[in-house]
């Protein structure tokens, strides 16, 4: 029996987004993210996907979960990371009192958080490999 290998990455992606830890945006907590950063390995909402796009593809390569084609290596990165592991790594050292944005926060606040988190790597654990 011949299998359709092109459908396999999409099917795996659909399985990943159904996991409880991937059902909220990795950056603002909005419900039902339908976008993802294939390079970072997180699922995000449409608003945060626009902010990720503004980071540049060298930092965050944004794809639609439903509309775009996915390469097996991109899905492998999503599998390796996912929102839970990425939050544990990229938000490891958030200082006490730091205001993590929610889905109702201003675009400026969310943008600052996303840049601090992924571009400047302000909160990653020191000496811990990716």
Foldseek 3Di string as FASTA:
>chain_A
DDDDPQCVLLVLLVVQCPPPLQQAALQAGHGRFQKAFLVLQEGHHPLVLVLQVVVPNVFTDMDGSPPDRDDPSSSVSNVVDYSVNLCCFLQVADDPPDDRHHPPDDSVNSSVRVCVRGVVSVRGDPPDDD
